[in-house]
């Protein structure tokens, strides 16, 4: 696994760096902590390899080669952001530390995902404090949706998600995908840090928007004021954003100081990725993996329908110990038995009842599956979910899955009506239709009134 390889590499580097060449003598005039060059061995003759120069780095900090005791230990070792202090941090420390039930639920939910996030941060060389950010954003709930329509545990807005290649179709929302949303969030955070050169400002921009933070900095610069996180005028939500993260960081760093007990999270992966090549029902996948349906959905939260289309989601996540079970059962299953649903693109405008009838479905069931109100016509080019009905085991085409959209319009029903003709009434007498003379003098000329 990646973390074992990294540990072995760290140990190797530490051993090599700590060994000086035999017979070498360090330069006593060198400053503490500076590299000391030493040489050893006989003087080389013509055509011989040059002597190897060995550099020993002397410093006060020794890198530990012991494996972290648990994931919390691993997270603490990677803390690299400057600490934020102040009354807001203390207020949020008190809020979290006095709600042990809330912390327990939040941490229990995170145990499915946080190992992967920490590993990705380490591979990128980013501070591990960022692994705690979903605690602030969504309490690690991948199904969380804000009032502003941000979704997923990293809370991506629709437009920002599309900017970072998170597809949002009627079949899936990659803002909720564990792997894709984590990749996008770390890409975005690194971009913001490169832009502002400060992790606190990067986090403010993640919450408030990079344009808002840039303009706030420019206003302070014009006024001769500071441009740090605490100096900027920002909304209350953003003002409290980094203090919340700092409070959680402080509790993770020293839980005993706050009277908190952190639930144990082992330092190993919770899930494994498994490739799929055929469309498969969500319930079928959970059954083949021998996991509860709710656990399967928790690891694969981006799916909006009861079927997973392989061309759009070529990998699923399963608990580590269940991945091999799934592979074995999948190999023994008939491909045609995996999916009972498929995608169909309407060739023309069609009433929902006609589409339902075409695939042998009850109209109400069809409309409920596709969230179509009653009395609607499905527009041409729309993609809907229908019963497969023996249409083969092949996967739905990639362009259909990745561009699935649904549009509909109210159905206009024309009704034929009839009326019986009656006797035609006599026209009124000329006297009755005589109009009174106009109230203005004859020959009056009119002009358009000014606007």
Foldseek 3Di string as FASTA:
>chain_A
DVVVVVLVVVVVVLVLLADDDPPWDFDPVDDAQDWTWTWDDDDDDPPDDDTDIHIHGGDDDDDDSDDQPFVLSVLVVQADADFDDDDLLVVLLVVVLVCQVLLQVLLVLCLQALLVLSVVCVVVSHRSLVSCQLCLVPSQQQQDADPQGQGGSLRHHPVLCVVQVQFDFLFFTSCSARVSVSVSSVVQLVVLCVVVVHNLLSQLCSVPNPVVLVVQQVVCVVVVHDNDLVTGDDDPCSNSSVSNSSSVVVCSNPVVVSPHDHPTRGNDHFKDKDFDQWKAFLVLLCVQLVHDSVVQCSNVVGGNARIDFCLVPGIGIDGHVSRVSNVVSVVVDDLVVGDFKAKDFAQAWAALCVVCVVQVHDSVVQCVRSVNDPQKIKGGGAMGMGTCNPVDGHGDDNVCVRPHHTDIDGDDDDDDDDDDDDDDDDDDDPVVPDDDDDPDDPPDDDDDDDD
